[in-house]
PDB file of N, CA and C in Angstrom:
ATOM      1  N   MET A   1      -9.182  14.592   1.630  1.00  0.00           N
ATOM      2  CA  MET A   1      -9.599  13.958   3.389  1.00  0.00           C
ATOM      3  C   MET A   1      -8.567  14.019   3.979  1.00  0.00           C
ATOM      4  N   SER A   2      -8.291  15.298   4.624  1.00  0.00           N
ATOM      5  CA  SER A   2      -7.624  16.013   5.593  1.00  0.00           C
ATOM      6  C   SER A   2      -7.204  14.560   7.059  1.00  0.00           C
ATOM      7  N   GLU A   3      -5.900  15.178   8.060  1.00  0.00           N
ATOM      8  CA  GLU A   3      -5.857  14.085   8.990  1.00  0.00           C
ATOM      9  C   GLU A   3      -6.880  14.397  10.214  1.00  0.00           C
ATOM     10  N   ASN A   4      -7.675  15.555  10.314  1.00  0.00           N
ATOM     11  CA  ASN A   4      -8.727  16.274  11.316  1.00  0.00           C
ATOM     12  C   ASN A   4     -10.402  15.138  11.089  1.00  0.00           C
ATOM     13  N   ASP A   5     -10.661  14.651   9.059  1.00  0.00           N
ATOM     14  CA  ASP A   5     -11.769  13.705   8.904  1.00  0.00           C
ATOM     15  C   ASP A   5     -11.106  12.808   9.197  1.00  0.00           C
ATOM     16  N   VAL A   6     -10.123  11.514   9.767  1.00  0.00           N
ATOM     17  CA  VAL A   6     -10.048  10.724  10.189  1.00  0.00           C
ATOM     18  C   VAL A   6     -10.103   9.907  11.520  1.00  0.00           C
ATOM     19  N   SER A   7     -11.180   8.875  11.693  1.00  0.00           N
ATOM     20  CA  SER A   7     -10.756   9.401  13.659  1.00  0.00           C
ATOM     21  C   SER A   7      -9.564   8.688  13.999  1.00  0.00           C
ATOM     22  N   PRO A   8     -10.086   8.925  15.487  1.00  0.00           N
ATOM     23  CA  PRO A   8      -8.133   8.152  16.365  1.00  0.00           C
ATOM     24  C   PRO A   8      -8.005   6.779  16.187  1.00  0.00           C
ATOM     25  N   ALA A   9      -8.733   6.455  15.986  1.00  0.00           N
ATOM     26  CA  ALA A   9      -8.254   4.598  15.860  1.00  0.00           C
ATOM     27  C   ALA A   9      -7.813   4.049  14.480  1.00  0.00           C
ATOM     28  N   VAL A  10      -8.304   4.755  13.843  1.00  0.00           N
ATOM     29  CA  VAL A  10      -7.387   5.250  12.521  1.00  0.00           C
ATOM     30  C   VAL A  10      -5.824   5.675  12.162  1.00  0.00           C
ATOM     31  N   LEU A  11      -6.039   7.105  12.684  1.00  0.00           N
ATOM     32  CA  LEU A  11      -4.673   7.430  13.259  1.00  0.00           C
ATOM     33  C   LEU A  11      -4.127   6.252  14.236  1.00  0.00           C
ATOM     34  N   GLU A  12      -4.514   5.822  15.255  1.00  0.00           N
ATOM     35  CA  GLU A  12      -3.171   4.484  16.111  1.00  0.00           C
ATOM     36  C   GLU A  12      -2.993   3.833  15.271  1.00  0.00           C
ATOM     37  N   LEU A  13      -4.067   2.857  14.547  1.00  0.00           N
ATOM     38  CA  LEU A  13      -3.415   2.499  13.769  1.00  0.00           C
ATOM     39  C   LEU A  13      -2.638   2.358  13.500  1.00  0.00           C
ATOM     40  N   SER A  14      -2.306   3.192  11.893  1.00  0.00           N
ATOM     41  CA  SER A  14      -1.156   3.887  10.877  1.00  0.00           C
ATOM     42  C   SER A  14      -0.502   4.693  11.602  1.00  0.00           C
ATOM     43  N   GLU A  15      -0.298   5.286  12.602  1.00  0.00           N
ATOM     44  CA  GLU A  15       0.460   5.239  13.378  1.00  0.00           C
ATOM     45  C   GLU A  15       2.155   4.056  13.922  1.00  0.00           C
ATOM     46  N   ARG A  16       0.886   2.835  15.267  1.00  0.00           N
ATOM     47  CA  ARG A  16       1.095   1.814  14.965  1.00  0.00           C
ATOM     48  C   ARG A  16       1.993   1.127  13.515  1.00  0.00           C
ATOM     49  N   LEU A  17       1.376   0.997  12.425  1.00  0.00           N
ATOM     50  CA  LEU A  17       2.091   0.114  10.993  1.00  0.00           C
ATOM     51  C   LEU A  17       3.198   0.943  10.586  1.00  0.00           C
ATOM     52  N   ARG A  18       2.644   2.422  11.253  1.00  0.00           N
ATOM     53  CA  ARG A  18       4.013   3.279  10.097  1.00  0.00           C
ATOM     54  C   ARG A  18       5.447   2.738  10.980  1.00  0.00           C
ATOM     55  N   THR A  19       5.516   2.396  12.046  1.00  0.00           N
ATOM     56  CA  THR A  19       7.034   1.785  13.351  1.00  0.00           C
ATOM     57  C   THR A  19       7.279   0.276  12.197  1.00  0.00           C
ATOM     58  N   ILE A  20       6.383  -0.712  12.291  1.00  0.00           N
ATOM     59  CA  ILE A  20       5.861  -1.802  11.386  1.00  0.00           C
ATOM     60  C   ILE A  20       6.892  -1.457  10.411  1.00  0.00           C
ATOM     61  N   VAL A  21       6.023  -0.272   9.540  1.00  0.00           N
ATOM     62  CA  VAL A  21       6.901  -0.337   7.681  1.00  0.00           C
ATOM     63  C   VAL A  21       8.476   0.384   7.867  1.00  0.00           C
ATOM     64  N   ASN A  22       8.819   0.766   8.757  1.00  0.00           N
ATOM     65  CA  ASN A  22       9.262   1.748   8.614  1.00  0.00           C
ATOM     66  C   ASN A  22      10.980   0.203   9.364  1.00  0.00           C
ATOM     67  N   ASP A  23      10.919   0.052  10.224  1.00  0.00           N
ATOM     68  CA  ASP A  23      11.961  -1.649  10.548  1.00  0.00           C
ATOM     69  C   ASP A  23      11.789  -2.548   9.497  1.00  0.00           C
ATOM     70  N   ILE A  24      10.393  -3.020   8.697  1.00  0.00           N
ATOM     71  CA  ILE A  24      11.051  -3.576   7.662  1.00  0.00           C
ATOM     72  C   ILE A  24      11.679  -3.413   6.340  1.00  0.00           C
ATOM     73  N   LEU A  25      11.710  -1.197   6.160  1.00  0.00           N
ATOM     74  CA  LEU A  25      11.782  -0.743   5.225  1.00  0.00           C
ATOM     75  C   LEU A  25      13.774  -0.874   5.542  1.00  0.00           C
ATOM     76  N   ASN A  26      14.095  -0.496   6.802  1.00  0.00           N
ATOM     77  CA  ASN A  26      15.989  -0.016   7.303  1.00  0.00           C
ATOM     78  C   ASN A  26      15.776  -2.153   7.377  1.00  0.00           C
ATOM     79  N   MET A  27      14.927  -2.799   7.070  1.00  0.00           N
ATOM     80  CA  MET A  27      15.697  -4.106   6.905  1.00  0.00           C
ATOM     81  C   MET A  27      16.670  -4.655   5.550  1.00  0.00           C
ATOM     82  N   PHE A  28      15.765  -4.828   4.679  1.00  0.00           N
ATOM     83  CA  PHE A  28      15.623  -3.966   3.451  1.00  0.00           C
ATOM     84  C   PHE A  28      16.839  -3.112   3.289  1.00  0.00           C
ATOM     85  N   ASN A  29      17.151  -2.524   3.451  1.00  0.00           N
ATOM     86  CA  ASN A  29      18.021  -1.600   3.643  1.00  0.00           C
ATOM     87  C   ASN A  29      19.486  -1.754   3.561  1.00  0.00           C
ATOM     88  N   GLN A  30      18.937  -2.544   5.279  1.00  0.00           N
ATOM     89  CA  GLN A  30      20.406  -3.130   5.782  1.00  0.00           C
ATOM     90  C   GLN A  30      21.455  -3.983   5.093  1.00  0.00           C
ATOM     91  N   HIS A  31      20.491  -5.438   4.371  1.00  0.00           N
ATOM     92  CA  HIS A  31      20.753  -6.927   3.689  1.00  0.00           C
ATOM     93  C   HIS A  31      20.293  -6.006   2.285  1.00  0.00           C
ATOM     94  N   ASN A  32      20.474  -4.832   1.591  1.00  0.00           N
ATOM     95  CA  ASN A  32      20.383  -4.489   0.376  1.00  0.00           C
ATOM     96  C   ASN A  32      19.047  -5.067  -0.701  1.00  0.00           C
ATOM     97  N   ILE A  33      18.315  -4.972   0.118  1.00  0.00           N
ATOM     98  CA  ILE A  33      17.347  -5.956  -0.526  1.00  0.00           C
ATOM     99  C   ILE A  33      17.296  -4.861  -1.480  1.00  0.00           C
ATOM    100  N   SER A  34      16.671  -5.229  -3.583  1.00  0.00           N
ATOM    101  CA  SER A  34      16.676  -4.348  -4.083  1.00  0.00           C
ATOM    102  C   SER A  34      14.331  -3.505  -4.180  1.00  0.00           C
ATOM    103  N   PRO A  35      14.909  -2.937  -4.990  1.00  0.00           N
ATOM    104  CA  PRO A  35      13.425  -2.648  -5.053  1.00  0.00           C
ATOM    105  C   PRO A  35      12.513  -3.651  -5.561  1.00  0.00           C
ATOM    106  N   SER A  36      12.627  -4.161  -6.794  1.00  0.00           N
ATOM    107  CA  SER A  36      11.757  -5.583  -7.671  1.00  0.00           C
ATOM    108  C   SER A  36      12.236  -6.845  -6.320  1.00  0.00           C
ATOM    109  N   GLU A  37      13.391  -6.478  -5.794  1.00  0.00           N
ATOM    110  CA  GLU A  37      13.065  -7.832  -4.101  1.00  0.00           C
ATOM    111  C   GLU A  37      11.619  -7.391  -3.420  1.00  0.00           C
ATOM    112  N   ALA A  38      11.941  -6.384  -3.175  1.00  0.00           N
ATOM    113  CA  ALA A  38      11.110  -5.944  -2.158  1.00  0.00           C
ATOM    114  C   ALA A  38       9.866  -6.003  -2.957  1.00  0.00           C
ATOM    115  N   GLY A  39       9.008  -5.529  -4.224  1.00  0.00           N
ATOM    116  CA  GLY A  39       8.026  -6.262  -4.749  1.00  0.00           C
ATOM    117  C   GLY A  39       7.874  -7.536  -4.729  1.00  0.00           C
ATOM    118  N   THR A  40       8.830  -8.295  -4.616  1.00  0.00           N
ATOM    119  CA  THR A  40       8.381  -9.384  -4.207  1.00  0.00           C
ATOM    120  C   THR A  40       7.841  -9.728  -3.242  1.00  0.00           C
ATOM    121  N   VAL A  41       9.103  -9.452  -1.916  1.00  0.00           N
ATOM    122  CA  VAL A  41       8.460 -10.145  -0.535  1.00  0.00           C
ATOM    123  C   VAL A  41       6.808  -9.436  -0.560  1.00  0.00           C
ATOM    124  N   VAL A  42       6.338  -8.095  -0.693  1.00  0.00           N
ATOM    125  CA  VAL A  42       5.326  -8.026  -1.176  1.00  0.00           C
ATOM    126  C   VAL A  42       4.113  -8.466  -1.730  1.00  0.00           C
ATOM    127  N   LEU A  43       4.729  -9.370  -1.843  1.00  0.00           N
ATOM    128  CA  LEU A  43       3.429 -10.125  -3.608  1.00  0.00           C
ATOM    129  C   LEU A  43       3.794 -10.797  -2.788  1.00  0.00           C
ATOM    130  N   ALA A  44       4.423 -11.948  -1.728  1.00  0.00           N
ATOM    131  CA  ALA A  44       4.695 -12.843  -1.596  1.00  0.00           C
ATOM    132  C   ALA A  44       3.657 -12.375  -0.137  1.00  0.00           C
ATOM    133  N   LEU A  45       3.898 -11.229   1.102  1.00  0.00           N
ATOM    134  CA  LEU A  45       3.456 -11.411   1.973  1.00  0.00           C
ATOM    135  C   LEU A  45       1.591 -11.287   1.750  1.00  0.00           C
ATOM    136  N   ILE A  46       1.894 -10.785   0.226  1.00  0.00           N
ATOM    137  CA  ILE A  46      -0.135 -10.273   0.002  1.00  0.00           C
ATOM    138  C   ILE A  46      -1.037 -11.725  -0.212  1.00  0.00           C
ATOM    139  N   HIS A  47      -0.087 -13.112  -0.822  1.00  0.00           N
ATOM    140  CA  HIS A  47      -0.774 -14.016  -0.843  1.00  0.00           C
ATOM    141  C   HIS A  47      -1.104 -15.251   0.139  1.00  0.00           C
ATOM    142  N   ARG A  48       0.348 -13.720   1.414  1.00  0.00           N
ATOM    143  CA  ARG A  48      -0.282 -15.343   2.045  1.00  0.00           C
ATOM    144  C   ARG A  48      -1.264 -15.375   3.507  1.00  0.00           C
ATOM    145  N   LEU A  49      -1.416 -13.928   3.123  1.00  0.00           N
ATOM    146  CA  LEU A  49      -2.651 -12.939   3.580  1.00  0.00           C
ATOM    147  C   LEU A  49      -3.973 -13.328   3.030  1.00  0.00           C
ATOM    148  N   MET A  50      -3.799 -13.807   1.443  1.00  0.00           N
ATOM    149  CA  MET A  50      -4.741 -14.317   1.087  1.00  0.00           C
ATOM    150  C   MET A  50      -5.364 -15.049   1.514  1.00  0.00           C
ATOM    151  N   GLY A  51      -3.776 -16.768   2.234  1.00  0.00           N
ATOM    152  CA  GLY A  51      -4.879 -17.650   2.371  1.00  0.00           C
ATOM    153  C   GLY A  51      -5.542 -17.732   3.418  1.00  0.00           C
ATOM    154  N   VAL A  52      -4.388 -16.761   4.230  1.00  0.00           N
ATOM    155  CA  VAL A  52      -4.929 -16.864   5.883  1.00  0.00           C
ATOM    156  C   VAL A  52      -6.538 -15.568   5.834  1.00  0.00           C
ATOM    157  N   LEU A  53      -6.891 -15.060   5.117  1.00  0.00           N
ATOM    158  CA  LEU A  53      -8.829 -14.490   4.860  1.00  0.00           C
ATOM    159  C   LEU A  53      -9.284 -15.596   4.039  1.00  0.00           C
ATOM    160  N   GLN A  54      -8.697 -16.389   3.941  1.00  0.00           N
ATOM    161  CA  GLN A  54      -9.592 -17.176   3.094  1.00  0.00           C
ATOM    162  C   GLN A  54     -10.926 -17.319   3.164  1.00  0.00           C
ATOM    163  N   GLU A  55     -10.942 -18.347   5.174  1.00  0.00           N
ATOM    164  CA  GLU A  55     -12.089 -17.909   6.069  1.00  0.00           C
ATOM    165  C   GLU A  55     -13.591 -16.960   6.372  1.00  0.00           C
ATOM    166  N   ASN A  56     -12.590 -15.791   5.933  1.00  0.00           N
ATOM    167  CA  ASN A  56     -13.452 -14.664   6.574  1.00  0.00           C
ATOM    168  C   ASN A  56     -13.333 -13.770   4.956  1.00  0.00           C
ATOM    169  N   GLN A  57     -14.808 -14.091   3.701  1.00  0.00           N
ATOM    170  CA  GLN A  57     -14.516 -13.811   2.886  1.00  0.00           C
ATOM    171  C   GLN A  57     -14.368 -12.447   2.903  1.00  0.00           C
ATOM    172  N   GLU A  58     -15.245 -11.655   4.014  1.00  0.00           N
ATOM    173  CA  GLU A  58     -16.285 -10.349   3.814  1.00  0.00           C
ATOM    174  C   GLU A  58     -14.137  -9.580   3.728  1.00  0.00           C
ATOM    175  N   GLU A  59     -13.358  -9.881   4.972  1.00  0.00           N
ATOM    176  CA  GLU A  59     -12.726  -8.944   5.781  1.00  0.00           C
ATOM    177  C   GLU A  59     -11.296  -8.954   3.642  1.00  0.00           C
ATOM    178  N   GLN A  60     -11.944 -10.619   3.135  1.00  0.00           N
ATOM    179  CA  GLN A  60     -10.696 -10.944   1.828  1.00  0.00           C
ATOM    180  C   GLN A  60     -11.395  -9.968   1.210  1.00  0.00           C
ATOM    181  N   ARG A  61     -12.660 -10.074   0.704  1.00  0.00           N
ATOM    182  CA  ARG A  61     -12.751  -8.629  -0.073  1.00  0.00           C
ATOM    183  C   ARG A  61     -12.446  -7.646   0.167  1.00  0.00           C
ATOM    184  N   ALA A  62     -12.610  -7.337   0.688  1.00  0.00           N
ATOM    185  CA  ALA A  62     -12.001  -4.868   1.539  1.00  0.00           C
ATOM    186  C   ALA A  62     -10.312  -5.555   1.638  1.00  0.00           C
ATOM    187  N   PHE A  63      -9.729  -6.726   1.788  1.00  0.00           N
ATOM    188  CA  PHE A  63      -7.965  -6.408   2.106  1.00  0.00           C
ATOM    189  C   PHE A  63      -7.867  -5.999  -0.191  1.00  0.00           C
ATOM    190  N   VAL A  64      -9.238  -6.447  -1.183  1.00  0.00           N
ATOM    191  CA  VAL A  64      -8.181  -6.720  -1.975  1.00  0.00           C
ATOM    192  C   VAL A  64      -9.203  -5.884  -2.624  1.00  0.00           C
ATOM    193  N   ALA A  65     -10.133  -4.995  -2.105  1.00  0.00           N
ATOM    194  CA  ALA A  65     -10.348  -3.592  -2.353  1.00  0.00           C
ATOM    195  C   ALA A  65      -8.706  -2.690  -2.077  1.00  0.00           C
ATOM    196  N   ALA A  66      -8.645  -2.993  -0.755  1.00  0.00           N
ATOM    197  CA  ALA A  66      -8.200  -1.778  -0.415  1.00  0.00           C
ATOM    198  C   ALA A  66      -6.469  -1.606  -1.356  1.00  0.00           C
ATOM    199  N   ILE A  67      -6.580  -3.098  -1.538  1.00  0.00           N
ATOM    200  CA  ILE A  67      -5.170  -3.120  -2.722  1.00  0.00           C
ATOM    201  C   ILE A  67      -5.282  -2.735  -4.485  1.00  0.00           C
ATOM    202  N   ILE A  68      -6.410  -3.102  -4.349  1.00  0.00           N
ATOM    203  CA  ILE A  68      -6.559  -2.135  -5.294  1.00  0.00           C
ATOM    204  C   ILE A  68      -7.123  -0.201  -5.848  1.00  0.00           C
ATOM    205  N   GLU A  69      -7.577   0.003  -4.542  1.00  0.00           N
ATOM    206  CA  GLU A  69      -7.564   1.315  -4.565  1.00  0.00           C
ATOM    207  C   GLU A  69      -6.566   2.128  -4.180  1.00  0.00           C
ATOM    208  N   VAL A  70      -5.261   1.012  -3.555  1.00  0.00           N
ATOM    209  CA  VAL A  70      -3.817   2.068  -3.647  1.00  0.00           C
ATOM    210  C   VAL A  70      -3.076   1.718  -5.110  1.00  0.00           C
ATOM    211  N   VAL A  71      -3.278   0.467  -6.274  1.00  0.00           N
ATOM    212  CA  VAL A  71      -2.512   0.750  -7.660  1.00  0.00           C
ATOM    213  C   VAL A  71      -3.417   1.526  -8.316  1.00  0.00           C
ATOM    214  N   ASN A  72      -4.557   1.962  -8.219  1.00  0.00           N
ATOM    215  CA  ASN A  72      -5.814   2.866  -8.687  1.00  0.00           C
ATOM    216  C   ASN A  72      -5.008   4.232  -8.119  1.00  0.00           C
ATOM    217  N   GLN A  73      -5.238   5.005  -7.485  1.00  0.00           N
ATOM    218  CA  GLN A  73      -4.333   5.470  -6.985  1.00  0.00           C
ATOM    219  C   GLN A  73      -2.990   6.246  -7.526  1.00  0.00           C
ATOM    220  N   HIS A  74      -1.933   4.753  -7.385  1.00  0.00           N
ATOM    221  CA  HIS A  74      -0.652   5.199  -8.286  1.00  0.00           C
ATOM    222  C   HIS A  74      -0.619   5.106  -8.824  1.00  0.00           C
ATOM    223  N   LEU A  75      -1.784   4.712  -9.759  1.00  0.00           N
ATOM    224  CA  LEU A  75      -2.040   5.167 -11.163  1.00  0.00           C
ATOM    225  C   LEU A  75      -2.740   6.109 -11.721  1.00  0.00           C
ATOM    226  N   LEU A  76      -3.734   7.202 -10.998  1.00  0.00           N
ATOM    227  CA  LEU A  76      -4.098   8.253 -11.372  1.00  0.00           C
ATOM    228  C   LEU A  76      -2.882   9.318 -11.209  1.00  0.00           C
ATOM    229  N   GLY A  77      -2.308   8.994 -10.104  1.00  0.00           N
ATOM    230  CA  GLY A  77      -0.715  10.550  -9.635  1.00  0.00           C
ATOM    231  C   GLY A  77       0.581   9.877 -10.704  1.00  0.00           C
ATOM    232  N   MET A  78       0.734   8.960 -10.994  1.00  0.00           N
ATOM    233  CA  MET A  78       1.423   8.558 -12.793  1.00  0.00           C
ATOM    234  C   MET A  78       0.142  10.007 -13.747  1.00  0.00           C
ATOM    235  N   LEU A  79      -0.331   9.069 -13.939  1.00  0.00           N
ATOM    236  CA  LEU A  79      -1.336   9.869 -15.018  1.00  0.00           C
ATOM    237  C   LEU A  79      -1.273  11.913 -15.016  1.00  0.00           C
ATOM    238  N   GLU A  80      -1.579  11.542 -13.986  1.00  0.00           N
ATOM    239  CA  GLU A  80      -1.829  13.102 -13.036  1.00  0.00           C
ATOM    240  C   GLU A  80       0.009  13.793 -13.673  1.00  0.00           C
ATOM    241  N   SER A  81       1.084  13.043 -13.256  1.00  0.00           N
ATOM    242  CA  SER A  81       2.061  14.175 -13.475  1.00  0.00           C
ATOM    243  C   SER A  81       2.378  13.691 -14.720  1.00  0.00           C
ATOM    244  N   ASN A  82       1.814  13.111 -15.759  1.00  0.00           N
ATOM    245  CA  ASN A  82       2.509  12.607 -17.382  1.00  0.00           C
ATOM    246  C   ASN A  82       2.128  13.524 -17.833  1.00  0.00           C
ATOM    247  N   SER A  83       0.309  14.101 -17.819  1.00  0.00           N
ATOM    248  CA  SER A  83      -0.777  14.292 -18.872  1.00  0.00           C
ATOM    249  C   SER A  83       0.020  15.916 -18.390  1.00  0.00           C
ATOM    250  N   THR A  84      -0.308  16.710 -19.604  1.00  0.00           N
ATOM    251  CA  THR A  84      -0.195  17.524 -20.644  1.00  0.00           C
ATOM    252  C   THR A  84      -1.070  18.585 -20.739  1.00  0.00           C
ATOM    253  N   PRO A  85      -1.871  19.861 -20.827  1.00  0.00           N
ATOM    254  CA  PRO A  85      -2.355  20.905 -21.532  1.00  0.00           C
ATOM    255  C   PRO A  85      -2.456  20.386 -22.765  1.00  0.00           C
ATOM    256  N   ALA A  86      -3.516  19.880 -23.632  1.00  0.00           N
ATOM    257  CA  ALA A  86      -3.309  19.972 -24.909  1.00  0.00           C
ATOM    258  C   ALA A  86      -3.334  20.734 -26.034  1.00  0.00           C
ATOM    259  N   CYS A  87      -2.825  22.086 -25.630  1.00  0.00           N
ATOM    260  CA  CYS A  87      -2.285  23.172 -26.289  1.00  0.00           C
ATOM    261  C   CYS A  87      -0.979  22.435 -25.749  1.00  0.00           C
ATOM    262  N   GLN A  88       0.005  22.001 -25.310  1.00  0.00           N
ATOM    263  CA  GLN A  88       0.979  21.583 -25.773  1.00  0.00           C
ATOM    264  C   GLN A  88       1.954  20.124 -25.561  1.00  0.00           C
ATOM    265  N   SER A  89       0.914  20.411 -25.900  1.00  0.00           N
ATOM    266  CA  SER A  89       1.445  17.953 -26.484  1.00  0.00           C
ATOM    267  C   SER A  89       1.559  18.540 -27.919  1.00  0.00           C
TER     268      SER A  89
END
């Protein structure tokens, strides 16, 4: 999917969130937060958000599906980068 295929609303949201994410990452750097500690923060935020979304099951399912998609894309990328053609293994 190219940037031309993305709706203006999605692009606007992405830009707004990019600023927030960059601020959070800067704060992690300032406080010398390790990657595993940052992961714990992310998991805690996901847990809290799941509670907030409990009243809206459809939004909660969409959020869980988005998390699963991110993890799947990450794992797929890892598999692709670690795979070698059969003739080279």
